[in-house]
């Protein structure tokens, strides 16, 4: 439900900002609109993934669709990465060749975006430490909020000083906000896809604990822990042949 509300808010912001970008000629607002478009798509993906994860297991899919959120979050991060690179390119281009920007109108649209993003943050905040998709959705809305702040600052600078390059600088700032967090999210989702050992888990500690309780496995025991999804850790081990049970 929270994802659905956040998606509705983000989609509304997108419509307003696209209109604003056309009216003001602001590259920062255009870039932020592209970012919001990506975020709206990401929220929709997260919403669908959350629905799939809730489906019961079957004989054909014994894990159900719990891992559906992982490729969904990976796709979100990959698209955000592309948008971030585009933002940097367009910002540099406008910094070299600035264009006229309507400061007052940019301020209005930036303020509308800020209000909407703050509302979305309030909606998504309770689930920000949950699954990858919920965390990704929250992260994207936070980035949008920072982008709206950058738009407002750029509008004030343009209105007070007439320095239109502030618009391009704001666009570059939005790109800088997108890329590092996107790379971190992409790395985390790839780790889950590759079923890597979860971060923060020390297998030596796991091994020591198991050896204390299972002396029969001292010789060959090999504990492994992999991430099936962001909320499911699967421990795995094997005993040496001489300790295996036979009928």
Protein backbone atom coordinates (compact mmCIF):
# COMPACT_ATOMS: atom_id res chain seq x y z
CA UNK A 1 0.00 0.00 0.00
CA UNK A 2 2.83 2.40 0.88
CA UNK A 3 4.56 1.69 -2.42
CA UNK A 4 1.32 2.35 -4.30
CA UNK A 5 0.83 5.71 -2.56
CA UNK A 6 4.47 6.67 -3.18
CA UNK A 7 4.10 5.70 -6.84
CA UNK A 8 1.03 7.92 -7.18
CA UNK A 9 2.85 10.87 -5.61
CA UNK A 10 5.95 10.36 -7.77
CA UNK A 11 3.91 10.04 -10.97
CA UNK A 12 2.15 13.32 -10.14
CA UNK A 13 5.48 15.05 -9.54
CA UNK A 14 6.70 13.73 -12.88
CA UNK A 15 3.81 15.32 -14.78
CA UNK A 16 4.30 18.67 -13.04
CA UNK A 17 8.06 18.71 -13.63
CA UNK A 18 7.84 17.76 -17.30
CA UNK A 19 5.47 20.68 -17.83
CA UNK A 20 7.84 22.86 -15.83
CA UNK A 21 10.87 21.82 -17.88
CA UNK A 22 9.05 22.75 -21.09
CA UNK A 23 7.97 26.13 -19.72
CA UNK A 24 11.24 27.18 -18.07
CA UNK A 25 13.82 25.63 -20.40
CA UNK A 26 15.70 24.37 -17.33
CA UNK A 27 18.15 21.53 -17.91
CA UNK A 28 18.20 20.81 -14.19
CA UNK A 29 14.42 20.41 -14.15
CA UNK A 30 14.57 18.31 -17.31
CA UNK A 31 17.25 16.09 -15.81
CA UNK A 32 15.34 15.81 -12.55
CA UNK A 33 12.24 14.87 -14.55
CA UNK A 34 14.20 12.05 -16.18
CA UNK A 35 15.30 10.96 -12.73
CA UNK A 36 11.73 11.08 -11.43
CA UNK A 37 10.58 9.06 -14.45
CA UNK A 38 13.13 6.40 -13.56
CA UNK A 39 12.02 6.49 -9.95
CA UNK A 40 8.36 6.15 -10.89
CA UNK A 41 9.28 3.11 -12.96
CA UNK A 42 11.37 1.78 -10.10
CA UNK A 43 8.50 2.19 -7.65
CA UNK A 44 6.20 0.37 -10.07
CA UNK A 45 8.73 -2.46 -10.37
CA UNK A 46 9.04 -2.58 -6.57
CA UNK A 47 5.26 -2.68 -6.25
CA UNK A 48 4.98 -5.60 -8.67
CA UNK A 49 7.91 -7.41 -7.04
CA UNK A 50 6.35 -7.01 -3.58
CA UNK A 51 3.18 -8.62 -4.90
CA UNK A 52 5.12 -11.52 -6.44
CA UNK A 53 7.12 -12.10 -3.25
CA UNK A 54 3.89 -12.48 -1.27
CA UNK A 55 2.67 -15.35 -3.44
CA UNK A 56 2.76 -18.82 -1.83
CA UNK A 57 5.25 -21.52 -2.75
CA UNK A 58 4.34 -24.33 -5.15
CA UNK A 59 5.72 -27.74 -6.04
CA UNK A 60 7.27 -26.16 -9.13
CA UNK A 61 8.69 -23.14 -7.29
CA UNK A 62 9.61 -24.33 -3.80
CA UNK A 63 11.06 -20.92 -2.94
CA UNK A 64 8.02 -19.20 -4.40
CA UNK A 65 8.87 -15.88 -6.03
CA UNK A 66 10.93 -14.51 -3.14
CA UNK A 67 13.86 -13.72 -5.38
CA UNK A 68 11.77 -11.63 -7.78
CA UNK A 69 12.78 -8.51 -5.87
CA UNK A 70 16.48 -9.08 -6.61
CA UNK A 71 16.46 -8.75 -10.43
CA UNK A 72 13.88 -5.97 -10.04
CA UNK A 73 16.22 -3.97 -7.79
CA UNK A 74 19.13 -4.72 -10.13
CA UNK A 75 17.17 -3.33 -13.06
CA UNK A 76 16.32 -0.21 -11.04
CA UNK A 77 19.98 0.37 -10.21
CA UNK A 78 21.11 -0.21 -13.81
CA UNK A 79 18.59 2.28 -15.21
CA UNK A 80 19.50 4.84 -12.55
CA UNK A 81 23.15 4.44 -13.53
CA UNK A 82 22.34 5.24 -17.16
CA UNK A 83 20.30 8.28 -16.11
CA UNK A 84 23.14 9.49 -13.89
CA UNK A 85 25.65 9.34 -16.73
CA UNK A 86 23.24 11.23 -19.00
CA UNK A 87 22.75 13.87 -16.30
CA UNK A 88 26.49 14.51 -16.08
CA UNK A 89 26.83 14.74 -19.87
CA UNK A 90 23.93 17.17 -20.27
CA UNK A 91 25.06 19.26 -17.31
CA UNK A 92 28.56 19.71 -18.75
CA UNK A 93 27.09 20.63 -22.14
CA UNK A 94 24.84 23.30 -20.63
CA UNK A 95 27.68 24.56 -18.45
CA UNK A 96 29.71 25.23 -21.59
CA UNK A 97 26.77 26.64 -23.55
CA UNK A 98 24.27 28.09 -21.05
CA UNK A 99 20.71 28.98 -22.06
CA UNK A 100 18.14 31.35 -20.59
CA UNK A 101 16.19 29.92 -17.68
CA UNK A 102 13.05 31.37 -16.06
CA UNK A 103 14.10 31.63 -12.41
CA UNK A 104 10.69 32.34 -10.78
CA UNK A 105 8.95 29.50 -12.60
CA UNK A 106 11.82 27.14 -11.80
CA UNK A 107 11.43 28.06 -8.13
CA UNK A 108 7.72 27.23 -8.18
CA UNK A 109 8.20 23.84 -9.84
CA UNK A 110 11.11 23.03 -7.56
CA UNK A 111 8.97 23.81 -4.50
CA UNK A 112 6.12 21.63 -5.79
CA UNK A 113 8.57 18.78 -6.33
CA UNK A 114 10.03 19.22 -2.85
CA UNK A 115 6.61 19.07 -1.18
CA UNK A 116 5.67 15.94 -3.12
CA UNK A 117 8.97 14.21 -2.39
CA UNK A 118 8.78 14.96 1.33
CA UNK A 119 5.30 13.41 1.34
CA UNK A 120 6.67 10.30 -0.42
CA UNK A 121 9.52 10.06 2.11
CA UNK A 122 7.02 10.13 4.98
CA UNK A 123 5.07 7.31 3.30
CA UNK A 124 8.12 5.12 2.60
CA UNK A 125 10.19 5.82 5.74
CA UNK A 126 8.78 2.93 7.85
CA UNK A 127 10.01 0.38 5.27
CA UNK A 128 13.39 1.91 4.47
CA UNK A 129 15.32 -0.87 6.27
CA UNK A 130 13.37 -3.70 4.64
CA UNK A 131 13.93 -5.49 1.33
CA UNK A 132 16.11 -4.25 -1.50
CA UNK A 133 13.17 -2.91 -3.47
CA UNK A 134 11.81 -0.95 -0.53
CA UNK A 135 15.25 0.40 0.26
CA UNK A 136 15.81 1.27 -3.40
CA UNK A 137 12.44 3.03 -3.56
CA UNK A 138 13.21 5.05 -0.44
CA UNK A 139 16.68 5.90 -1.74
CA UNK A 140 15.29 7.13 -5.05
CA UNK A 141 12.76 9.41 -3.36
CA UNK A 142 15.48 10.83 -1.10
CA UNK A 143 17.59 11.55 -4.18
CA UNK A 144 14.59 13.26 -5.78
CA UNK A 145 14.18 15.41 -2.68
CA UNK A 146 17.80 16.51 -2.80
CA UNK A 147 17.33 17.24 -6.49
CA UNK A 148 14.35 19.46 -5.69
CA UNK A 149 16.44 21.36 -3.15
CA UNK A 150 19.13 21.85 -5.81
CA UNK A 151 16.48 23.21 -8.20
CA UNK A 152 15.26 25.71 -5.62
CA UNK A 153 18.80 26.92 -4.87
CA UNK A 154 19.53 27.27 -8.60
CA UNK A 155 16.32 29.25 -9.12
CA UNK A 156 17.19 31.65 -6.29
CA UNK A 157 20.73 32.15 -7.63
CA UNK A 158 19.45 32.80 -11.16
CA UNK A 159 16.84 35.26 -9.93
CA UNK A 160 19.24 37.18 -7.68
CA UNK A 161 22.39 37.19 -9.83
CA UNK A 162 21.31 36.31 -13.38
CA UNK A 163 23.95 33.55 -13.47
CA UNK A 164 22.12 30.97 -15.62
CA UNK A 165 24.92 28.42 -15.32
CA UNK A 166 23.53 27.72 -11.84
CA UNK A 167 20.95 25.59 -13.64
CA UNK A 168 23.67 23.41 -15.19
CA UNK A 169 25.49 23.19 -11.85
CA UNK A 170 22.28 21.96 -10.22
CA UNK A 171 21.93 19.34 -12.96
CA UNK A 172 25.49 18.13 -12.30
CA UNK A 173 24.79 17.99 -8.57
CA UNK A 174 21.77 15.78 -9.17
CA UNK A 175 23.99 13.47 -11.22
CA UNK A 176 26.57 13.32 -8.43
CA UNK A 177 23.79 12.41 -5.99
CA UNK A 178 22.57 9.60 -8.23
CA UNK A 179 25.76 7.75 -9.15
CA UNK A 180 27.49 6.74 -5.87
CA UNK A 181 24.32 5.42 -4.23
CA UNK A 182 23.31 3.69 -7.43
CA UNK A 183 26.66 1.90 -7.70
CA UNK A 184 26.36 0.75 -4.07
CA UNK A 185 22.86 -0.62 -4.67
CA UNK A 186 23.96 -2.33 -7.90
CA UNK A 187 26.88 -3.99 -6.11
CA UNK A 188 24.59 -5.26 -3.36
CA UNK A 189 22.04 -6.71 -5.78
CA UNK A 190 24.76 -8.40 -7.83
CA UNK A 191 26.12 -9.97 -4.62
CA UNK A 192 22.69 -11.44 -3.94
CA UNK A 193 22.32 -12.69 -7.52
CA UNK A 194 25.70 -14.41 -7.23
CA UNK A 195 24.67 -15.85 -3.85
CA UNK A 196 27.73 -14.37 -2.18
CA UNK A 197 28.39 -14.67 1.53
CA UNK A 198 26.27 -12.00 3.23
CA UNK A 199 28.21 -8.95 4.35
CA UNK A 200 28.82 -8.86 8.07
CA UNK A 201 28.76 -12.65 8.36
CA UNK A 202 32.06 -14.19 9.52
CA UNK A 203 32.21 -17.81 8.35
CA UNK A 204 35.08 -18.51 10.75
CA UNK A 205 32.74 -17.70 13.64
CA UNK A 206 30.05 -19.89 12.10
CA UNK A 207 32.54 -22.73 11.65
CA UNK A 208 33.77 -22.45 15.25
CA UNK A 209 30.21 -22.52 16.57
CA UNK A 210 29.29 -25.56 14.49
CA UNK A 211 32.44 -27.44 15.46
CA UNK A 212 31.63 -26.94 19.13
CA UNK A 213 28.22 -28.56 18.70
CA UNK A 214 28.92 -31.07 15.94
CA UNK A 215 32.17 -32.86 16.71
CA UNK A 216 31.42 -35.48 14.08
CA UNK A 217 31.96 -32.87 11.39
CA UNK A 218 35.35 -31.63 12.60
CA UNK A 219 37.36 -33.20 9.81
CA UNK A 220 35.57 -31.96 6.73
CA UNK A 221 32.76 -29.65 7.73
CA UNK A 222 32.40 -26.75 5.29
CA UNK A 223 29.80 -24.18 6.30
CA UNK A 224 28.45 -21.95 3.60
CA UNK A 225 25.90 -19.17 3.80
CA UNK A 226 24.41 -17.55 0.75
CA UNK A 227 21.82 -14.86 0.15
CA UNK A 228 18.73 -16.17 -1.63
CA UNK A 229 17.09 -12.80 -1.25
CA UNK A 230 17.45 -9.75 0.95
CA UNK A 231 15.49 -11.33 3.76
CA UNK A 232 16.46 -15.00 3.41
CA UNK A 233 19.86 -16.38 4.41
CA UNK A 234 20.38 -20.06 3.64
CA UNK A 235 23.01 -21.94 5.67
CA UNK A 236 24.51 -25.00 4.00
CA UNK A 237 27.03 -27.62 5.10
CA UNK A 238 28.18 -31.16 4.38
CA UNK A 239 29.54 -33.96 6.50
CA UNK A 240 32.43 -36.21 5.45
CA UNK A 241 31.50 -39.57 3.84
CA UNK A 242 32.41 -41.61 6.91
CA UNK A 243 29.75 -39.78 8.93
CA UNK A 244 27.02 -40.02 6.32
CA UNK A 245 23.99 -42.17 7.10
CA UNK A 246 23.19 -45.09 4.86
CA UNK A 247 20.10 -47.27 4.76
